[in-house]
Amino acid sequence: MIKVSVLYPNQEGKTFNMDYYLNTHMPMVAARLTPACKGISVEQGISGGLRGTAPAYLALAHLLFDSVQAFESAFVSHASEIMADIPNYTAIEPILQVSEVKM
């Protein structure tokens, strides 16, 4: 199992429209990547490691796939549509990480 994480760093002066992300963007992503995508979770950063500090990331999304190939096959035909929607909820350039789930 692999996890594709999409991380939106907390950058000064940048905003993130969580309502749009949850109610428009992520449902579109889920619809395009089904059935290859086995699960999705979204997190909103609320604090850094010390109380009162800013979170490192404003938002994080995690998508589960059986393999890197399953992710790439599902994503490639919808990548331009998914990426084109980013300016509708943020000006932050997301960081993508692919990880192998160990536990």
C-alpha atoms as a PDB file:
ATOM      1  CA  MET A   1       0.000   0.000   0.000  1.00  0.00           C
ATOM      2  CA  ILE A   2       1.252   3.492  -0.778  1.00  0.00           C
ATOM      3  CA  LYS A   3       0.170   6.864   0.530  1.00  0.00           C
ATOM      4  CA  VAL A   4       0.266   9.972  -1.621  1.00  0.00           C
ATOM      5  CA  SER A   5       0.504  13.005   0.654  1.00  0.00           C
ATOM      6  CA  VAL A   6      -0.242  16.502  -0.601  1.00  0.00           C
ATOM      7  CA  LEU A   7       1.157  19.103   1.795  1.00  0.00           C
ATOM      8  CA  TYR A   8       0.342  22.813   1.756  1.00  0.00           C
ATOM      9  CA  PRO A   9       3.064  24.708   3.677  1.00  0.00           C
ATOM     10  CA  ASN A  10       2.042  27.560   5.945  1.00  0.00           C
ATOM     11  CA  GLN A  11       3.460  30.550   4.070  1.00  0.00           C
ATOM     12  CA  GLU A  12       3.227  34.148   5.202  1.00  0.00           C
ATOM     13  CA  GLY A  13       0.422  36.024   3.457  1.00  0.00           C
ATOM     14  CA  LYS A  14      -1.009  32.886   1.811  1.00  0.00           C
ATOM     15  CA  THR A  15      -4.470  31.551   2.552  1.00  0.00           C
ATOM     16  CA  PHE A  16      -6.228  28.223   2.136  1.00  0.00           C
ATOM     17  CA  ASN A  17      -9.979  27.894   1.537  1.00  0.00           C
ATOM     18  CA  MET A  18     -10.732  24.710   3.472  1.00  0.00           C
ATOM     19  CA  ASP A  19     -14.461  24.870   2.704  1.00  0.00           C
ATOM     20  CA  TYR A  20     -13.813  24.805  -1.054  1.00  0.00           C
ATOM     21  CA  TYR A  21     -11.170  22.099  -0.623  1.00  0.00           C
ATOM     22  CA  LEU A  22     -13.465  19.804   1.362  1.00  0.00           C
ATOM     23  CA  ASN A  23     -16.693  20.417  -0.539  1.00  0.00           C
ATOM     24  CA  THR A  24     -15.520  20.878  -4.132  1.00  0.00           C
ATOM     25  CA  HIS A  25     -11.902  19.934  -4.797  1.00  0.00           C
ATOM     26  CA  MET A  26     -11.583  16.697  -2.844  1.00  0.00           C
ATOM     27  CA  PRO A  27     -14.927  15.268  -4.028  1.00  0.00           C
ATOM     28  CA  MET A  28     -13.752  15.936  -7.606  1.00  0.00           C
ATOM     29  CA  VAL A  29     -10.408  14.235  -6.884  1.00  0.00           C
ATOM     30  CA  ALA A  30     -12.166  11.243  -5.321  1.00  0.00           C
ATOM     31  CA  ALA A  31     -14.515  10.905  -8.292  1.00  0.00           C
ATOM     32  CA  ARG A  32     -11.652  11.010 -10.798  1.00  0.00           C
ATOM     33  CA  LEU A  33      -9.357   8.594  -8.954  1.00  0.00           C
ATOM     34  CA  THR A  34     -11.956   5.965  -8.034  1.00  0.00           C
ATOM     35  CA  PRO A  35     -11.667   2.951  -7.978  1.00  0.00           C
ATOM     36  CA  ALA A  36      -7.842   3.089  -7.720  1.00  0.00           C
ATOM     37  CA  CYS A  37      -7.953   5.351  -4.655  1.00  0.00           C
ATOM     38  CA  LYS A  38      -8.693   3.214  -1.594  1.00  0.00           C
ATOM     39  CA  GLY A  39      -9.090   6.018   0.936  1.00  0.00           C
ATOM     40  CA  ILE A  40      -8.736   9.754   1.496  1.00  0.00           C
ATOM     41  CA  SER A  41      -8.168  11.839   4.590  1.00  0.00           C
ATOM     42  CA  VAL A  42      -7.768  15.598   4.959  1.00  0.00           C
ATOM     43  CA  GLU A  43      -6.177  17.408   7.882  1.00  0.00           C
ATOM     44  CA  GLN A  44      -6.105  21.087   8.806  1.00  0.00           C
ATOM     45  CA  GLY A  45      -3.042  22.341  10.658  1.00  0.00           C
ATOM     46  CA  ILE A  46      -3.899  24.080  13.906  1.00  0.00           C
ATOM     47  CA  SER A  47      -0.577  24.387  15.745  1.00  0.00           C
ATOM     48  CA  GLY A  48       3.115  23.672  15.645  1.00  0.00           C
ATOM     49  CA  GLY A  49       4.827  21.315  18.081  1.00  0.00           C
ATOM     50  CA  LEU A  50       4.827  23.936  20.820  1.00  0.00           C
ATOM     51  CA  ARG A  51       1.628  25.488  22.073  1.00  0.00           C
ATOM     52  CA  GLY A  52       0.948  28.813  20.425  1.00  0.00           C
ATOM     53  CA  THR A  53       3.225  28.254  17.427  1.00  0.00           C
ATOM     54  CA  ALA A  54       2.002  28.234  13.852  1.00  0.00           C
ATOM     55  CA  PRO A  55       1.482  24.908  12.086  1.00  0.00           C
ATOM     56  CA  ALA A  56       4.083  23.899   9.494  1.00  0.00           C
ATOM     57  CA  TYR A  57       1.260  23.057   7.060  1.00  0.00           C
ATOM     58  CA  LEU A  58      -2.133  24.685   6.616  1.00  0.00           C
ATOM     59  CA  ALA A  59      -3.586  21.528   5.098  1.00  0.00           C
ATOM     60  CA  LEU A  60      -2.582  17.955   4.335  1.00  0.00           C
ATOM     61  CA  ALA A  61      -4.351  15.389   2.186  1.00  0.00           C
ATOM     62  CA  HIS A  62      -3.515  11.697   2.138  1.00  0.00           C
ATOM     63  CA  LEU A  63      -4.668   9.281  -0.550  1.00  0.00           C
ATOM     64  CA  LEU A  64      -4.157   5.517  -0.403  1.00  0.00           C
ATOM     65  CA  PHE A  65      -3.428   3.300  -3.410  1.00  0.00           C
ATOM     66  CA  ASP A  66      -2.361  -0.323  -3.841  1.00  0.00           C
ATOM     67  CA  SER A  67       0.815   0.704  -5.694  1.00  0.00           C
ATOM     68  CA  VAL A  68       2.683   3.594  -7.290  1.00  0.00           C
ATOM     69  CA  GLN A  69       1.576   2.259 -10.659  1.00  0.00           C
ATOM     70  CA  ALA A  70      -2.084   2.306  -9.562  1.00  0.00           C
ATOM     71  CA  PHE A  71      -1.704   5.946  -8.480  1.00  0.00           C
ATOM     72  CA  GLU A  72       0.080   6.996 -11.662  1.00  0.00           C
ATOM     73  CA  SER A  73      -2.431   5.210 -13.910  1.00  0.00           C
ATOM     74  CA  ALA A  74      -5.374   6.860 -12.164  1.00  0.00           C
ATOM     75  CA  PHE A  75      -3.792  10.313 -11.895  1.00  0.00           C
ATOM     76  CA  VAL A  76      -2.240  10.786 -15.333  1.00  0.00           C
ATOM     77  CA  SER A  77      -5.477  11.217 -17.271  1.00  0.00           C
ATOM     78  CA  HIS A  78      -6.910  13.694 -14.727  1.00  0.00           C
ATOM     79  CA  ALA A  79      -3.765  15.547 -13.623  1.00  0.00           C
ATOM     80  CA  SER A  80      -4.398  18.710 -15.627  1.00  0.00           C
ATOM     81  CA  GLU A  81      -7.968  19.054 -14.332  1.00  0.00           C
ATOM     82  CA  ILE A  82      -6.950  18.418 -10.725  1.00  0.00           C
ATOM     83  CA  MET A  83      -3.977  20.787 -10.874  1.00  0.00           C
ATOM     84  CA  ALA A  84      -5.983  23.500 -12.666  1.00  0.00           C
ATOM     85  CA  ASP A  85      -8.380  23.642  -9.705  1.00  0.00           C
ATOM     86  CA  ILE A  86      -5.676  24.551  -7.156  1.00  0.00           C
ATOM     87  CA  PRO A  87      -5.938  28.351  -7.683  1.00  0.00           C
ATOM     88  CA  ASN A  88      -9.600  28.113  -6.653  1.00  0.00           C
ATOM     89  CA  TYR A  89      -8.618  27.393  -3.044  1.00  0.00           C
ATOM     90  CA  THR A  90      -5.004  28.548  -2.561  1.00  0.00           C
ATOM     91  CA  ALA A  91      -1.932  30.206  -4.048  1.00  0.00           C
ATOM     92  CA  ILE A  92       0.306  27.791  -2.143  1.00  0.00           C
ATOM     93  CA  GLU A  93       2.267  25.368  -4.314  1.00  0.00           C
ATOM     94  CA  PRO A  94       1.644  21.921  -2.837  1.00  0.00           C
ATOM     95  CA  ILE A  95       4.399  19.470  -1.959  1.00  0.00           C
ATOM     96  CA  LEU A  96       3.734  15.906  -3.074  1.00  0.00           C
ATOM     97  CA  GLN A  97       5.218  12.894  -1.322  1.00  0.00           C
ATOM     98  CA  VAL A  98       4.714   9.228  -2.134  1.00  0.00           C
ATOM     99  CA  SER A  99       5.343   6.873   0.804  1.00  0.00           C
ATOM    100  CA  GLU A 100       5.154   3.160   1.382  1.00  0.00           C
ATOM    101  CA  VAL A 101       2.822   2.414   4.280  1.00  0.00           C
ATOM    102  CA  LYS A 102       4.621   0.157   6.740  1.00  0.00           C
ATOM    103  CA  MET A 103       2.110  -0.052   9.549  1.00  0.00           C
END
